[in-house]
Amino acid sequence: MIKSATLSGGIETYIILVWLFVIFNTVLMLLLCYLYLSIQKTREQEKISREFSFMMIEGLETERRRISRELHDTILPKVKDIDISDHIRSICVNLMPPDFSCLSLKDALALFCDKFSKQTGINCAFSAEENIDFSLISAEDQLHLFRMVQESFNNIEKHSKSNSASLVIRQNPGGVLLICISDEGTGIKTRGFTEGLGIRSIRQRAQIINAKIDFISESGNGLMVRIEMPPPPSVISDSSTG
């Protein structure tokens, strides 16, 4: 009887352990499924957000081109005042994107800095490493980078109260493209920095091209907009196989 009771108790304990094991694994599987579905949902939301940003930016670029053509073809011929005429031409040039089929991003940004200095009176220093191969970046991504720099300089002109600015472009050993736009103005806190349409546009473009964007500032010490863009996947693949 004692052996039978002991055996029965052992079987019951074994069954309980088996059930606990089954319950634990079931709960674990449910948690893993929940985490998997959550990750998938987050990725899908990020994809939708990226696609929406892309469509919005594309619409913005289309509208820029349309307005530029309207100003150039319809308004400009009717303007007799030379100063106003020059101002309209400048607006048209800023609205139209550079032609990256015959102009590199480096040259486009160098020209932009020179024009920015002449138009605003803010001295703009431009520096770019010679060995950066911009041809590895698609024309579409180059346009996004150009617009991000352009919007950053618009903010310098409007808000910084700075007499000088700089644009530095270099490439890290890992192939990451680094673009820094900085000024010596009032900094974020004292200039009433807010997430306006321009800043949101910069963030959206950064998301589209998978770039990291940082706004670095200490009160009274100016602002640096730092853009880090990883190399194209094909370049990473070639370097890893080589």
Protein backbone atom coordinates (compact mmCIF):
# COMPACT_ATOMS: atom_id res chain seq x y z
CA MET A 1 0.00 0.00 0.00
CA ILE A 2 2.81 2.37 0.90
CA LYS A 3 4.62 1.63 -2.37
CA SER A 4 1.38 2.03 -4.29
CA ALA A 5 0.65 5.37 -2.62
CA THR A 6 4.22 6.53 -3.26
CA LEU A 7 3.99 5.47 -6.90
CA SER A 8 0.64 7.20 -7.27
CA GLY A 9 2.02 10.37 -5.71
CA GLY A 10 5.02 10.27 -8.02
CA ILE A 11 2.78 9.90 -11.07
CA GLU A 12 0.62 12.82 -9.93
CA THR A 13 3.70 14.95 -9.40
CA TYR A 14 4.99 13.99 -12.83
CA ILE A 15 1.63 14.86 -14.43
CA ILE A 16 1.58 18.22 -12.64
CA LEU A 17 5.11 18.96 -13.85
CA VAL A 18 4.14 17.98 -17.39
CA TRP A 19 1.12 20.27 -17.26
CA LEU A 20 3.20 23.11 -15.86
CA PHE A 21 5.70 22.58 -18.64
CA VAL A 22 2.93 22.60 -21.26
CA ILE A 23 1.36 25.73 -19.76
CA PHE A 24 4.74 27.49 -19.57
CA ASN A 25 5.54 26.67 -23.19
CA THR A 26 2.06 27.71 -24.30
CA VAL A 27 2.38 31.06 -22.53
CA LEU A 28 5.89 31.48 -23.95
CA MET A 29 4.66 30.73 -27.47
CA LEU A 30 1.79 33.19 -27.08
CA LEU A 31 4.22 35.88 -25.90
CA LEU A 32 6.55 35.19 -28.81
CA CYS A 33 3.63 35.37 -31.24
CA TYR A 34 2.51 38.64 -29.68
CA LEU A 35 6.02 40.09 -29.93
CA TYR A 36 6.33 38.91 -33.54
CA LEU A 37 2.98 40.44 -34.51
CA SER A 38 3.88 43.67 -32.68
CA ILE A 39 7.19 43.91 -34.54
CA GLN A 40 5.47 43.19 -37.84
CA LYS A 41 2.85 45.84 -37.11
CA THR A 42 5.53 48.38 -36.18
CA ARG A 43 7.46 47.63 -39.36
CA GLU A 44 4.29 47.94 -41.43
CA GLN A 45 3.47 51.27 -39.78
CA GLU A 46 7.02 52.50 -40.42
CA LYS A 47 6.72 51.41 -44.05
CA ILE A 48 3.37 53.21 -44.43
CA SER A 49 4.81 56.31 -42.75
CA ARG A 50 7.86 56.25 -45.04
CA GLU A 51 5.69 55.79 -48.14
CA PHE A 52 3.41 58.63 -47.04
CA SER A 53 6.40 60.90 -46.44
CA PHE A 54 7.80 59.96 -49.84
CA MET A 55 4.50 60.77 -51.57
CA MET A 56 4.21 64.07 -49.72
CA ILE A 57 7.78 65.09 -50.58
CA GLU A 58 7.26 64.08 -54.20
CA GLY A 59 4.12 66.20 -54.30
CA LEU A 60 6.07 69.10 -52.81
CA GLU A 61 8.79 68.81 -55.45
CA THR A 62 6.17 68.69 -58.22
CA GLU A 63 4.53 71.80 -56.81
CA ARG A 64 7.91 73.57 -56.60
CA ARG A 65 8.53 72.89 -60.29
CA ARG A 66 5.05 74.08 -61.25
CA ILE A 67 5.34 77.33 -59.29
CA SER A 68 8.82 77.96 -60.70
CA ARG A 69 7.55 77.53 -64.27
CA GLU A 70 4.53 79.76 -63.61
CA LEU A 71 6.69 82.52 -62.16
CA HIS A 72 9.24 82.28 -64.96
CA ASP A 73 6.84 81.98 -67.89
CA THR A 74 3.88 84.06 -66.72
CA ILE A 75 4.91 86.59 -64.07
CA LEU A 76 8.52 87.39 -64.94
CA PRO A 77 7.87 88.68 -68.50
CA LYS A 78 5.42 91.24 -67.10
CA VAL A 79 7.80 92.64 -64.47
CA LYS A 80 9.69 95.77 -65.54
CA ASP A 81 11.51 96.54 -62.31
CA ILE A 82 15.03 95.05 -62.47
CA ASP A 83 15.37 94.37 -58.73
CA ILE A 84 12.00 92.60 -58.54
CA SER A 85 12.82 90.70 -61.73
CA ASP A 86 16.14 89.49 -60.26
CA HIS A 87 14.38 88.48 -57.05
CA ILE A 88 11.81 86.42 -58.97
CA ARG A 89 14.57 84.72 -60.96
CA SER A 90 16.29 83.83 -57.69
CA ILE A 91 13.07 82.31 -56.37
CA CYS A 92 12.67 80.29 -59.56
CA VAL A 93 16.22 78.93 -59.27
CA ASN A 94 15.70 77.97 -55.61
CA LEU A 95 12.45 76.18 -56.39
CA MET A 96 13.81 74.16 -59.30
CA PRO A 97 16.02 71.19 -58.37
CA PRO A 98 19.61 70.95 -59.64
CA ASP A 99 20.18 68.73 -62.66
CA PHE A 100 22.23 65.93 -61.14
CA SER A 101 22.64 64.27 -64.51
CA CYS A 102 25.23 66.93 -65.40
CA LEU A 103 26.06 68.40 -61.98
CA SER A 104 27.42 66.59 -58.92
CA LEU A 105 25.95 67.14 -55.47
CA LYS A 106 29.28 68.63 -54.39
CA ASP A 107 29.22 71.21 -57.18
CA ALA A 108 25.53 71.99 -56.61
CA LEU A 109 26.14 72.64 -52.91
CA ALA A 110 29.25 74.73 -53.62
CA LEU A 111 27.26 76.91 -56.00
CA PHE A 112 24.44 77.13 -53.50
CA CYS A 113 26.79 78.35 -50.75
CA ASP A 114 28.28 80.98 -53.04
CA LYS A 115 24.82 82.23 -54.02
CA PHE A 116 23.64 82.14 -50.40
CA SER A 117 26.53 84.39 -49.35
CA LYS A 118 25.82 86.91 -52.11
CA GLN A 119 22.07 87.04 -51.46
CA THR A 120 22.11 87.19 -47.67
CA GLY A 121 25.44 88.81 -46.78
CA ILE A 122 26.13 85.85 -44.50
CA ASN A 123 29.63 84.53 -45.19
CA CYS A 124 29.33 80.82 -46.02
CA ALA A 125 32.42 78.61 -45.91
CA PHE A 126 32.24 75.42 -47.98
CA SER A 127 34.49 72.41 -47.47
CA ALA A 128 34.23 68.94 -49.02
CA GLU A 129 36.66 66.03 -49.17
CA GLU A 130 37.96 65.36 -52.67
CA ASN A 131 37.63 61.57 -52.59
CA ILE A 132 33.88 61.36 -51.98
CA ASP A 133 32.15 59.53 -54.86
CA PHE A 134 28.70 61.12 -55.09
CA SER A 135 27.86 58.99 -58.14
CA LEU A 136 27.14 56.11 -55.74
CA ILE A 137 24.15 58.11 -54.45
CA SER A 138 21.04 58.11 -56.62
CA ALA A 139 19.88 61.42 -58.12
CA GLU A 140 16.72 61.13 -56.03
CA ASP A 141 18.68 60.83 -52.78
CA GLN A 142 21.03 63.62 -53.83
CA LEU A 143 18.01 65.87 -54.25
CA HIS A 144 16.80 64.99 -50.75
CA LEU A 145 20.22 65.87 -49.33
CA PHE A 146 20.33 69.11 -51.31
CA ARG A 147 16.88 70.15 -50.03
CA MET A 148 17.86 69.31 -46.45
CA VAL A 149 20.91 71.56 -46.72
CA GLN A 150 18.87 74.26 -48.45
CA GLU A 151 16.23 74.25 -45.69
CA SER A 152 18.93 74.35 -43.01
CA PHE A 153 20.41 77.48 -44.58
CA ASN A 154 16.94 79.02 -44.87
CA ASN A 155 16.67 78.65 -41.09
CA ILE A 156 20.09 80.27 -40.64
CA GLU A 157 19.00 83.25 -42.73
CA LYS A 158 15.65 83.64 -40.93
CA HIS A 159 16.48 82.87 -37.31
CA SER A 160 20.19 82.60 -36.45
CA LYS A 161 21.28 86.27 -36.45
CA SER A 162 24.67 84.91 -37.48
CA ASN A 163 27.20 86.65 -39.73
CA SER A 164 28.78 83.40 -40.84
CA ALA A 165 27.87 79.80 -41.63
CA SER A 166 29.64 76.71 -42.87
CA LEU A 167 28.93 73.55 -44.81
CA VAL A 168 31.31 70.63 -44.33
CA ILE A 169 31.06 67.33 -46.21
CA ARG A 170 33.23 64.34 -45.48
CA GLN A 171 33.06 60.56 -45.52
CA ASN A 172 33.91 58.26 -42.63
CA PRO A 173 36.09 55.17 -43.19
CA GLY A 174 32.95 53.00 -43.09
CA GLY A 175 31.51 54.90 -46.05
CA VAL A 176 29.04 56.99 -44.03
CA LEU A 177 28.50 60.39 -45.65
CA LEU A 178 28.58 63.20 -43.09
CA ILE A 179 27.14 66.65 -43.83
CA CYS A 180 27.35 69.38 -41.19
CA ILE A 181 25.65 72.77 -41.50
CA SER A 182 26.55 75.17 -38.71
CA ASP A 183 26.29 78.83 -37.76
CA GLU A 184 27.61 81.08 -34.98
CA GLY A 185 24.25 82.55 -34.07
CA THR A 186 21.92 82.50 -31.10
CA GLY A 187 21.36 78.76 -30.86
CA ILE A 188 18.11 76.85 -30.60
CA LYS A 189 16.75 78.01 -27.24
CA THR A 190 17.15 81.72 -27.81
CA ARG A 191 15.90 81.72 -31.40
CA GLY A 192 12.52 80.20 -30.55
CA PHE A 193 13.28 76.95 -32.39
CA THR A 194 10.12 74.98 -33.19
CA GLU A 195 9.28 71.98 -35.31
CA GLY A 196 7.93 74.00 -38.23
CA LEU A 197 7.24 72.76 -41.74
CA GLY A 198 10.88 73.17 -42.74
CA ILE A 199 12.25 71.07 -39.89
CA ARG A 200 9.58 68.42 -40.38
CA SER A 201 10.49 68.32 -44.05
CA ILE A 202 14.15 67.73 -43.13
CA ARG A 203 13.18 64.88 -40.80
CA GLN A 204 10.90 63.31 -43.40
CA ARG A 205 13.57 63.44 -46.08
CA ALA A 206 16.07 61.90 -43.64
CA GLN A 207 13.63 59.06 -42.98
CA ILE A 208 13.14 58.46 -46.71
CA ILE A 209 16.88 58.11 -47.41
CA ASN A 210 17.56 56.24 -44.15
CA ALA A 211 19.75 59.05 -42.81
CA LYS A 212 20.30 60.11 -39.21
CA ILE A 213 19.59 63.77 -38.43
CA ASP A 214 20.69 65.67 -35.31
CA PHE A 215 20.21 69.28 -34.24
CA ILE A 216 23.08 70.14 -31.91
CA SER A 217 23.12 73.44 -30.05
CA GLU A 218 24.07 75.15 -26.83
CA SER A 219 22.39 78.43 -25.98
CA GLY A 220 24.30 81.30 -27.58
CA ASN A 221 26.75 79.00 -29.37
CA GLY A 222 24.98 78.55 -32.66
CA LEU A 223 23.38 75.47 -34.19
CA MET A 224 24.77 72.49 -36.06
CA VAL A 225 22.58 70.34 -38.28
CA ARG A 226 24.34 67.00 -38.62
CA ILE A 227 23.27 64.56 -41.35
CA GLU A 228 24.69 61.04 -41.47
CA MET A 229 23.81 58.94 -44.50
CA PRO A 230 24.95 55.30 -44.70
CA PRO A 231 26.42 54.00 -47.96
CA PRO A 232 24.07 52.31 -50.45
CA PRO A 233 23.42 48.60 -49.72
CA SER A 234 25.29 47.62 -52.90
CA VAL A 235 28.45 49.32 -51.62
CA ILE A 236 28.16 47.59 -48.23
CA SER A 237 27.68 44.23 -50.00
CA ASP A 238 30.67 44.75 -52.28
CA SER A 239 32.96 45.75 -49.39
CA SER A 240 31.90 42.76 -47.28
CA THR A 241 32.45 40.25 -50.10
CA GLY A 242 35.74 41.83 -51.03
